């Protein structure tokens, strides 16, 4: 039996990740609106209007309330459109968690959620185990370290190009060591994971981050080690990147799909 579409989402952004999410939406959820910069309107209107999707400039143009606002567009778009969405009382799921390394933006989003009695949902993105890490925090954490290892292709177009010769690297090499806030700010397209771990654990300044380039891998490997009163845990994922965007893990898009599916389920 086919489930009747009953939930509509608003997408902020319509790049590689958003398209992957749309391709995997469960029965019962559909995109009602997309917000993108004006320069992309003409092409997207032609593509999306026949599908019953409105292409908009801002939250103010919506003629109804979405069941979920899903951000897939980065720092600037999260600030411009996420804050008014929360102020209206709409649930906002955030993919670009790295943007919250900006403490001012994080505070503005939290205040908007309180003012609108809304929910700010930070997606787990490319990693797993964030529920366990957040639970461990309740008894106190002594150490959280995140190590990221990706191919040269996945680091192209980022600050890594100024730190290491990606064309010449012959073995696994560390090119950055710092805290999660520094990593998220320096590598906004790659380090959402660092911010996600920090926000579920010890915070931006206390979370140690190591970034590596590995010319022998095609996967994005994330390793998290945490120690505290709860004991000790190590989580490691070797994730396939999106074919259309090697900077993004497939699992990050799937976490957004999961948020959409939860609209249909009685349990969270």
C-alpha atoms as a PDB file:
ATOM      1  CA  UNK A   1       0.000   0.000   0.000  1.00  0.00           C
ATOM      2  CA  UNK A   2       1.414   3.404  -1.016  1.00  0.00           C
ATOM      3  CA  UNK A   3       1.562   5.994   1.746  1.00  0.00           C
ATOM      4  CA  UNK A   4      -0.083   9.317   0.882  1.00  0.00           C
ATOM      5  CA  UNK A   5       2.252  12.326   0.982  1.00  0.00           C
ATOM      6  CA  UNK A   6       1.513  14.120   4.222  1.00  0.00           C
ATOM      7  CA  UNK A   7       4.671  16.017   5.220  1.00  0.00           C
ATOM      8  CA  UNK A   8       6.319  18.896   3.373  1.00  0.00           C
ATOM      9  CA  UNK A   9       9.850  20.121   3.928  1.00  0.00           C
ATOM     10  CA  UNK A  10      11.634  23.344   3.060  1.00  0.00           C
ATOM     11  CA  UNK A  11      15.178  22.922   1.766  1.00  0.00           C
ATOM     12  CA  UNK A  12      17.709  25.681   2.329  1.00  0.00           C
ATOM     13  CA  UNK A  13      20.147  25.069  -0.528  1.00  0.00           C
ATOM     14  CA  UNK A  14      19.972  22.714  -3.480  1.00  0.00           C
ATOM     15  CA  UNK A  15      23.478  21.453  -4.061  1.00  0.00           C
ATOM     16  CA  UNK A  16      24.909  17.938  -4.134  1.00  0.00           C
ATOM     17  CA  UNK A  17      23.771  16.949  -0.653  1.00  0.00           C
ATOM     18  CA  UNK A  18      20.256  18.330  -1.026  1.00  0.00           C
ATOM     19  CA  UNK A  19      19.839  16.471  -4.314  1.00  0.00           C
ATOM     20  CA  UNK A  20      20.980  13.240  -2.671  1.00  0.00           C
ATOM     21  CA  UNK A  21      18.442  13.752   0.109  1.00  0.00           C
ATOM     22  CA  UNK A  22      15.630  14.434  -2.358  1.00  0.00           C
ATOM     23  CA  UNK A  23      16.491  11.271  -4.308  1.00  0.00           C
ATOM     24  CA  UNK A  24      16.131   9.231  -1.108  1.00  0.00           C
ATOM     25  CA  UNK A  25      13.094  10.844   0.534  1.00  0.00           C
ATOM     26  CA  UNK A  26      10.702   8.274   2.035  1.00  0.00           C
ATOM     27  CA  UNK A  27       7.119   7.940   0.843  1.00  0.00           C
ATOM     28  CA  UNK A  28       5.062  10.399   2.829  1.00  0.00           C
ATOM     29  CA  UNK A  29       7.586  13.257   2.677  1.00  0.00           C
ATOM     30  CA  UNK A  30       8.095  15.665  -0.204  1.00  0.00           C
ATOM     31  CA  UNK A  31       9.843  18.948  -0.866  1.00  0.00           C
ATOM     32  CA  UNK A  32       7.454  21.872  -0.972  1.00  0.00           C
ATOM     33  CA  UNK A  33       9.934  24.730  -1.213  1.00  0.00           C
ATOM     34  CA  UNK A  34      13.600  25.417  -1.941  1.00  0.00           C
ATOM     35  CA  UNK A  35      15.473  28.580  -0.945  1.00  0.00           C
ATOM     36  CA  UNK A  36      18.546  29.374  -3.065  1.00  0.00           C
ATOM     37  CA  UNK A  37      20.456  32.511  -4.119  1.00  0.00           C
ATOM     38  CA  UNK A  38      18.836  34.510  -6.913  1.00  0.00           C
ATOM     39  CA  UNK A  39      21.452  33.548  -9.515  1.00  0.00           C
ATOM     40  CA  UNK A  40      20.266  29.928  -9.388  1.00  0.00           C
ATOM     41  CA  UNK A  41      16.554  30.697  -9.689  1.00  0.00           C
ATOM     42  CA  UNK A  42      16.076  30.531 -13.437  1.00  0.00           C
ATOM     43  CA  UNK A  43      17.578  27.071 -13.844  1.00  0.00           C
ATOM     44  CA  UNK A  44      15.862  25.661 -10.763  1.00  0.00           C
ATOM     45  CA  UNK A  45      12.444  27.111 -11.598  1.00  0.00           C
ATOM     46  CA  UNK A  46      12.578  25.243 -14.895  1.00  0.00           C
ATOM     47  CA  UNK A  47      13.665  22.049 -13.152  1.00  0.00           C
ATOM     48  CA  UNK A  48      11.525  22.099 -10.004  1.00  0.00           C
ATOM     49  CA  UNK A  49       8.280  23.881 -10.846  1.00  0.00           C
ATOM     50  CA  UNK A  50       6.964  20.880 -12.854  1.00  0.00           C
ATOM     51  CA  UNK A  51       7.518  18.823  -9.667  1.00  0.00           C
ATOM     52  CA  UNK A  52       5.351  21.182  -7.621  1.00  0.00           C
ATOM     53  CA  UNK A  53       8.316  22.737  -5.780  1.00  0.00           C
ATOM     54  CA  UNK A  54       8.453  26.508  -5.269  1.00  0.00           C
ATOM     55  CA  UNK A  55      11.819  28.233  -5.645  1.00  0.00           C
ATOM     56  CA  UNK A  56      12.152  31.138  -3.197  1.00  0.00           C
ATOM     57  CA  UNK A  57      14.510  33.864  -2.021  1.00  0.00           C
ATOM     58  CA  UNK A  58      13.562  33.989   1.647  1.00  0.00           C
ATOM     59  CA  UNK A  59      11.434  32.607   4.448  1.00  0.00           C
ATOM     60  CA  UNK A  60       9.097  35.593   4.077  1.00  0.00           C
ATOM     61  CA  UNK A  61       7.814  34.253   0.753  1.00  0.00           C
ATOM     62  CA  UNK A  62       6.391  31.045   2.219  1.00  0.00           C
ATOM     63  CA  UNK A  63       2.604  30.838   2.148  1.00  0.00           C
ATOM     64  CA  UNK A  64       2.408  27.920   4.621  1.00  0.00           C
ATOM     65  CA  UNK A  65       4.417  26.353   7.433  1.00  0.00           C
ATOM     66  CA  UNK A  66       6.703  23.430   6.524  1.00  0.00           C
ATOM     67  CA  UNK A  67       6.861  20.368   8.745  1.00  0.00           C
ATOM     68  CA  UNK A  68      10.642  20.591   8.681  1.00  0.00           C
ATOM     69  CA  UNK A  69      13.257  23.073   7.480  1.00  0.00           C
ATOM     70  CA  UNK A  70      16.386  21.276   6.344  1.00  0.00           C
ATOM     71  CA  UNK A  71      19.559  23.359   5.935  1.00  0.00           C
ATOM     72  CA  UNK A  72      22.081  22.078   3.356  1.00  0.00           C
ATOM     73  CA  UNK A  73      23.754  25.326   2.328  1.00  0.00           C
ATOM     74  CA  UNK A  74      26.403  26.493   4.792  1.00  0.00           C
ATOM     75  CA  UNK A  75      27.122  29.247   7.279  1.00  0.00           C
ATOM     76  CA  UNK A  76      25.717  32.310   5.512  1.00  0.00           C
ATOM     77  CA  UNK A  77      22.464  30.627   4.503  1.00  0.00           C
ATOM     78  CA  UNK A  78      22.011  29.166   7.993  1.00  0.00           C
ATOM     79  CA  UNK A  79      22.276  32.641   9.486  1.00  0.00           C
ATOM     80  CA  UNK A  80      20.035  34.310   6.893  1.00  0.00           C
ATOM     81  CA  UNK A  81      17.241  31.744   6.754  1.00  0.00           C
ATOM     82  CA  UNK A  82      17.632  29.515   9.818  1.00  0.00           C
ATOM     83  CA  UNK A  83      17.094  32.251  12.381  1.00  0.00           C
ATOM     84  CA  UNK A  84      13.743  33.500  10.966  1.00  0.00           C
ATOM     85  CA  UNK A  85      12.587  29.885  10.531  1.00  0.00           C
ATOM     86  CA  UNK A  86      13.160  29.199  14.221  1.00  0.00           C
ATOM     87  CA  UNK A  87      11.540  32.491  15.216  1.00  0.00           C
ATOM     88  CA  UNK A  88       8.400  31.305  13.420  1.00  0.00           C
ATOM     89  CA  UNK A  89       8.363  28.130  15.491  1.00  0.00           C
ATOM     90  CA  UNK A  90       9.509  25.789  12.700  1.00  0.00           C
ATOM     91  CA  UNK A  91      11.739  22.797  13.356  1.00  0.00           C
ATOM     92  CA  UNK A  92      15.194  23.334  11.818  1.00  0.00           C
ATOM     93  CA  UNK A  93      17.574  20.449  11.047  1.00  0.00           C
ATOM     94  CA  UNK A  94      21.153  21.630  10.475  1.00  0.00           C
ATOM     95  CA  UNK A  95      23.661  19.861   8.243  1.00  0.00           C
ATOM     96  CA  UNK A  96      26.328  22.612   8.394  1.00  0.00           C
ATOM     97  CA  UNK A  97      27.101  22.114  12.093  1.00  0.00           C
ATOM     98  CA  UNK A  98      30.577  23.540  11.536  1.00  0.00           C
ATOM     99  CA  UNK A  99      28.970  26.974  11.219  1.00  0.00           C
ATOM    100  CA  UNK A 100      28.285  26.812  14.964  1.00  0.00           C
ATOM    101  CA  UNK A 101      31.993  27.270  15.602  1.00  0.00           C
ATOM    102  CA  UNK A 102      30.900  30.895  15.286  1.00  0.00           C
ATOM    103  CA  UNK A 103      29.773  31.385  18.881  1.00  0.00           C
ATOM    104  CA  UNK A 104      27.681  34.434  17.985  1.00  0.00           C
ATOM    105  CA  UNK A 105      25.706  32.517  15.346  1.00  0.00           C
ATOM    106  CA  UNK A 106      25.217  29.586  17.716  1.00  0.00           C
ATOM    107  CA  UNK A 107      23.835  31.934  20.352  1.00  0.00           C
ATOM    108  CA  UNK A 108      21.533  33.642  17.838  1.00  0.00           C
ATOM    109  CA  UNK A 109      20.113  30.302  16.717  1.00  0.00           C
ATOM    110  CA  UNK A 110      19.512  29.162  20.290  1.00  0.00           C
ATOM    111  CA  UNK A 111      17.805  32.448  21.160  1.00  0.00           C
ATOM    112  CA  UNK A 112      15.636  32.245  18.033  1.00  0.00           C
ATOM    113  CA  UNK A 113      14.611  28.694  18.961  1.00  0.00           C
ATOM    114  CA  UNK A 114      13.663  29.816  22.479  1.00  0.00           C
ATOM    115  CA  UNK A 115      11.743  32.831  21.183  1.00  0.00           C
ATOM    116  CA  UNK A 116       9.824  30.725  18.672  1.00  0.00           C
ATOM    117  CA  UNK A 117       9.423  27.680  20.941  1.00  0.00           C
ATOM    118  CA  UNK A 118      11.068  25.751  18.116  1.00  0.00           C
ATOM    119  CA  UNK A 119      13.501  22.843  17.854  1.00  0.00           C
ATOM    120  CA  UNK A 120      17.076  23.265  16.600  1.00  0.00           C
ATOM    121  CA  UNK A 121      18.183  19.785  15.511  1.00  0.00           C
ATOM    122  CA  UNK A 122      21.912  19.254  14.923  1.00  0.00           C
ATOM    123  CA  UNK A 123      22.274  16.266  12.613  1.00  0.00           C
ATOM    124  CA  UNK A 124      24.935  13.648  13.337  1.00  0.00           C
ATOM    125  CA  UNK A 125      26.155  13.990   9.758  1.00  0.00           C
ATOM    126  CA  UNK A 126      29.131  11.856   8.771  1.00  0.00           C
ATOM    127  CA  UNK A 127      29.698  10.253  12.192  1.00  0.00           C
ATOM    128  CA  UNK A 128      27.977   7.856  14.582  1.00  0.00           C
ATOM    129  CA  UNK A 129      27.863   7.469  18.331  1.00  0.00           C
ATOM    130  CA  UNK A 130      26.946  11.046  19.204  1.00  0.00           C
ATOM    131  CA  UNK A 131      24.178   9.855  21.528  1.00  0.00           C
ATOM    132  CA  UNK A 132      26.743   7.838  23.503  1.00  0.00           C
ATOM    133  CA  UNK A 133      29.226  10.722  23.596  1.00  0.00           C
ATOM    134  CA  UNK A 134      26.560  13.145  24.846  1.00  0.00           C
ATOM    135  CA  UNK A 135      25.516  10.617  27.496  1.00  0.00           C
ATOM    136  CA  UNK A 136      29.138  10.169  28.622  1.00  0.00           C
ATOM    137  CA  UNK A 137      29.427  13.945  29.019  1.00  0.00           C
ATOM    138  CA  UNK A 138      26.872  13.827  31.853  1.00  0.00           C
ATOM    139  CA  UNK A 139      29.479  12.237  34.146  1.00  0.00           C
ATOM    140  CA  UNK A 140      32.356  14.351  32.820  1.00  0.00           C
ATOM    141  CA  UNK A 141      34.793  13.872  29.944  1.00  0.00           C
ATOM    142  CA  UNK A 142      38.570  14.079  30.306  1.00  0.00           C
ATOM    143  CA  UNK A 143      39.558  13.789  26.659  1.00  0.00           C
ATOM    144  CA  UNK A 144      37.975  13.782  23.201  1.00  0.00           C
ATOM    145  CA  UNK A 145      40.133  13.467  20.083  1.00  0.00           C
ATOM    146  CA  UNK A 146      38.946  13.386  16.486  1.00  0.00           C
ATOM    147  CA  UNK A 147      41.207  12.194  13.645  1.00  0.00           C
ATOM    148  CA  UNK A 148      40.115  12.670  10.024  1.00  0.00           C
ATOM    149  CA  UNK A 149      41.811  10.926   7.102  1.00  0.00           C
ATOM    150  CA  UNK A 150      40.761  11.675   3.520  1.00  0.00           C
ATOM    151  CA  UNK A 151      42.135  11.466  -0.010  1.00  0.00           C
ATOM    152  CA  UNK A 152      43.886  14.439  -1.647  1.00  0.00           C
ATOM    153  CA  UNK A 153      40.799  14.874  -3.857  1.00  0.00           C
ATOM    154  CA  UNK A 154      38.617  15.385  -0.793  1.00  0.00           C
ATOM    155  CA  UNK A 155      40.872  18.168   0.538  1.00  0.00           C
ATOM    156  CA  UNK A 156      41.134  20.117  -2.724  1.00  0.00           C
ATOM    157  CA  UNK A 157      39.641  23.593  -2.625  1.00  0.00           C
ATOM    158  CA  UNK A 158      40.274  23.861   1.125  1.00  0.00           C
ATOM    159  CA  UNK A 159      42.965  25.463   3.288  1.00  0.00           C
ATOM    160  CA  UNK A 160      44.848  22.149   3.092  1.00  0.00           C
ATOM    161  CA  UNK A 161      46.240  23.302  -0.265  1.00  0.00           C
ATOM    162  CA  UNK A 162      48.206  26.022   1.545  1.00  0.00           C
ATOM    163  CA  UNK A 163      49.482  23.564   4.182  1.00  0.00           C
ATOM    164  CA  UNK A 164      50.613  20.625   2.052  1.00  0.00           C
ATOM    165  CA  UNK A 165      51.267  19.810  -1.618  1.00  0.00           C
ATOM    166  CA  UNK A 166      48.307  17.558  -2.366  1.00  0.00           C
ATOM    167  CA  UNK A 167      49.770  16.557  -5.742  1.00  0.00           C
ATOM    168  CA  UNK A 168      53.071  15.390  -4.286  1.00  0.00           C
ATOM    169  CA  UNK A 169      51.997  13.669  -1.063  1.00  0.00           C
ATOM    170  CA  UNK A 170      53.085   9.993  -1.183  1.00  0.00           C
ATOM    171  CA  UNK A 171      52.023   8.688   2.240  1.00  0.00           C
ATOM    172  CA  UNK A 172      49.531   9.414   4.986  1.00  0.00           C
ATOM    173  CA  UNK A 173      50.476  12.836   6.349  1.00  0.00           C
ATOM    174  CA  UNK A 174      49.177  15.056   9.142  1.00  0.00           C
ATOM    175  CA  UNK A 175      48.763  18.658   7.979  1.00  0.00           C
ATOM    176  CA  UNK A 176      46.670  20.144  10.797  1.00  0.00           C
ATOM    177  CA  UNK A 177      46.502  19.774  14.579  1.00  0.00           C
ATOM    178  CA  UNK A 178      44.366  22.071  16.702  1.00  0.00           C
ATOM    179  CA  UNK A 179      41.019  22.322  18.413  1.00  0.00           C
ATOM    180  CA  UNK A 180      37.577  21.768  16.917  1.00  0.00           C
ATOM    181  CA  UNK A 181      36.764  25.455  16.628  1.00  0.00           C
ATOM    182  CA  UNK A 182      39.945  26.144  14.660  1.00  0.00           C
ATOM    183  CA  UNK A 183      39.308  23.143  12.400  1.00  0.00           C
ATOM    184  CA  UNK A 184      35.689  24.043  11.693  1.00  0.00           C
ATOM    185  CA  UNK A 185      36.565  27.638  10.860  1.00  0.00           C
ATOM    186  CA  UNK A 186      39.562  26.758   8.667  1.00  0.00           C
ATOM    187  CA  UNK A 187      37.870  23.859   6.829  1.00  0.00           C
ATOM    188  CA  UNK A 188      34.145  24.714   6.652  1.00  0.00           C
ATOM    189  CA  UNK A 189      33.422  22.288   3.811  1.00  0.00           C
ATOM    190  CA  UNK A 190      35.257  19.391   5.479  1.00  0.00           C
ATOM    191  CA  UNK A 191      35.083  19.802   9.239  1.00  0.00           C
ATOM    192  CA  UNK A 192      31.389  19.725  10.159  1.00  0.00           C
ATOM    193  CA  UNK A 193      32.287  16.497  11.944  1.00  0.00           C
ATOM    194  CA  UNK A 194      34.711  18.281  14.270  1.00  0.00           C
ATOM    195  CA  UNK A 195      32.011  20.697  15.374  1.00  0.00           C
ATOM    196  CA  UNK A 196      29.430  17.931  15.796  1.00  0.00           C
ATOM    197  CA  UNK A 197      31.771  15.975  18.062  1.00  0.00           C
ATOM    198  CA  UNK A 198      32.644  19.094  20.034  1.00  0.00           C
ATOM    199  CA  UNK A 199      29.020  20.105  20.603  1.00  0.00           C
ATOM    200  CA  UNK A 200      28.162  16.624  21.847  1.00  0.00           C
ATOM    201  CA  UNK A 201      31.307  16.364  23.944  1.00  0.00           C
ATOM    202  CA  UNK A 202      33.779  18.782  25.513  1.00  0.00           C
ATOM    203  CA  UNK A 203      33.162  21.902  23.435  1.00  0.00           C
ATOM    204  CA  UNK A 204      35.030  23.641  20.654  1.00  0.00           C
ATOM    205  CA  UNK A 205      38.192  24.593  22.543  1.00  0.00           C
ATOM    206  CA  UNK A 206      38.770  21.347  24.454  1.00  0.00           C
ATOM    207  CA  UNK A 207      38.204  18.910  21.566  1.00  0.00           C
ATOM    208  CA  UNK A 208      41.480  17.958  19.865  1.00  0.00           C
ATOM    209  CA  UNK A 209      41.431  17.555  16.063  1.00  0.00           C
ATOM    210  CA  UNK A 210      43.999  15.945  13.753  1.00  0.00           C
ATOM    211  CA  UNK A 211      43.517  16.175   9.962  1.00  0.00           C
ATOM    212  CA  UNK A 212      45.376  13.864   7.581  1.00  0.00           C
ATOM    213  CA  UNK A 213      45.696  13.313   3.840  1.00  0.00           C
ATOM    214  CA  UNK A 214      46.049   9.747   2.572  1.00  0.00           C
ATOM    215  CA  UNK A 215      46.832   9.254  -1.150  1.00  0.00           C
ATOM    216  CA  UNK A 216      45.965   5.543  -0.877  1.00  0.00           C
ATOM    217  CA  UNK A 217      42.318   5.858   0.166  1.00  0.00           C
ATOM    218  CA  UNK A 218      39.084   6.808  -1.534  1.00  0.00           C
ATOM    219  CA  UNK A 219      37.085   6.852   1.683  1.00  0.00           C
ATOM    220  CA  UNK A 220      36.643   9.493   4.382  1.00  0.00           C
ATOM    221  CA  UNK A 221      37.815   7.932   7.667  1.00  0.00           C
ATOM    222  CA  UNK A 222      36.663   9.419  10.983  1.00  0.00           C
ATOM    223  CA  UNK A 223      38.110   8.187  14.283  1.00  0.00           C
ATOM    224  CA  UNK A 224      36.831   9.447  17.626  1.00  0.00           C
ATOM    225  CA  UNK A 225      38.415   8.608  20.967  1.00  0.00           C
ATOM    226  CA  UNK A 226      36.815   9.707  24.245  1.00  0.00           C
ATOM    227  CA  UNK A 227      37.785   9.079  27.863  1.00  0.00           C
ATOM    228  CA  UNK A 228      36.042  10.053  31.084  1.00  0.00           C
ATOM    229  CA  UNK A 229      34.234   8.865  34.196  1.00  0.00           C
ATOM    230  CA  UNK A 230      32.100   6.546  32.030  1.00  0.00           C
ATOM    231  CA  UNK A 231      35.200   4.665  30.813  1.00  0.00           C
ATOM    232  CA  UNK A 232      36.666   4.853  27.331  1.00  0.00           C
ATOM    233  CA  UNK A 233      35.330   4.581  23.773  1.00  0.00           C
ATOM    234  CA  UNK A 234      36.740   4.533  20.255  1.00  0.00           C
ATOM    235  CA  UNK A 235      34.527   4.939  17.191  1.00  0.00           C
ATOM    236  CA  UNK A 236      35.842   4.586  13.640  1.00  0.00           C
ATOM    237  CA  UNK A 237      34.004   4.944  10.333  1.00  0.00           C
ATOM    238  CA  UNK A 238      35.312   4.507   6.804  1.00  0.00           C
ATOM    239  CA  UNK A 239      32.643   6.325   4.815  1.00  0.00           C
ATOM    240  CA  UNK A 240      32.139   6.527   1.084  1.00  0.00           C
ATOM    241  CA  UNK A 241      31.979  10.135  -0.191  1.00  0.00           C
ATOM    242  CA  UNK A 242      29.160  11.430  -2.337  1.00  0.00           C
ATOM    243  CA  UNK A 243      30.086  10.756  -5.985  1.00  0.00           C
ATOM    244  CA  UNK A 244      29.055  14.318  -6.825  1.00  0.00           C
ATOM    245  CA  UNK A 245      31.014  15.922  -3.950  1.00  0.00           C
ATOM    246  CA  UNK A 246      34.100  14.156  -2.520  1.00  0.00           C
ATOM    247  CA  UNK A 247      34.229  16.565   0.429  1.00  0.00           C
ATOM    248  CA  UNK A 248      30.959  15.130   1.767  1.00  0.00           C
ATOM    249  CA  UNK A 249      30.353  11.664   3.184  1.00  0.00           C
ATOM    250  CA  UNK A 250      27.351   9.723   1.985  1.00  0.00           C
ATOM    251  CA  UNK A 251      26.410   9.176   5.632  1.00  0.00           C
ATOM    252  CA  UNK A 252      25.970  12.937   6.121  1.00  0.00           C
ATOM    253  CA  UNK A 253      23.263  13.004   3.453  1.00  0.00           C
ATOM    254  CA  UNK A 254      21.685   9.894   4.951  1.00  0.00           C
ATOM    255  CA  UNK A 255      21.468  11.570   8.367  1.00  0.00           C
ATOM    256  CA  UNK A 256      19.346  14.265   6.699  1.00  0.00           C
ATOM    257  CA  UNK A 257      17.152  11.605   5.082  1.00  0.00           C
ATOM    258  CA  UNK A 258      16.705  10.061   8.524  1.00  0.00           C
ATOM    259  CA  UNK A 259      15.543  13.414   9.924  1.00  0.00           C
ATOM    260  CA  UNK A 260      12.899  13.522   7.182  1.00  0.00           C
ATOM    261  CA  UNK A 261      11.773   9.955   7.906  1.00  0.00           C
ATOM    262  CA  UNK A 262      11.342  10.810  11.593  1.00  0.00           C
ATOM    263  CA  UNK A 263       8.506  13.137  10.597  1.00  0.00           C
ATOM    264  CA  UNK A 264       6.483   9.996   9.870  1.00  0.00           C
ATOM    265  CA  UNK A 265       7.439   7.976  12.939  1.00  0.00           C
ATOM    266  CA  UNK A 266       5.974   8.046  16.452  1.00  0.00           C
ATOM    267  CA  UNK A 267       9.388   7.569  18.077  1.00  0.00           C
ATOM    268  CA  UNK A 268      12.524   9.740  17.810  1.00  0.00           C
END
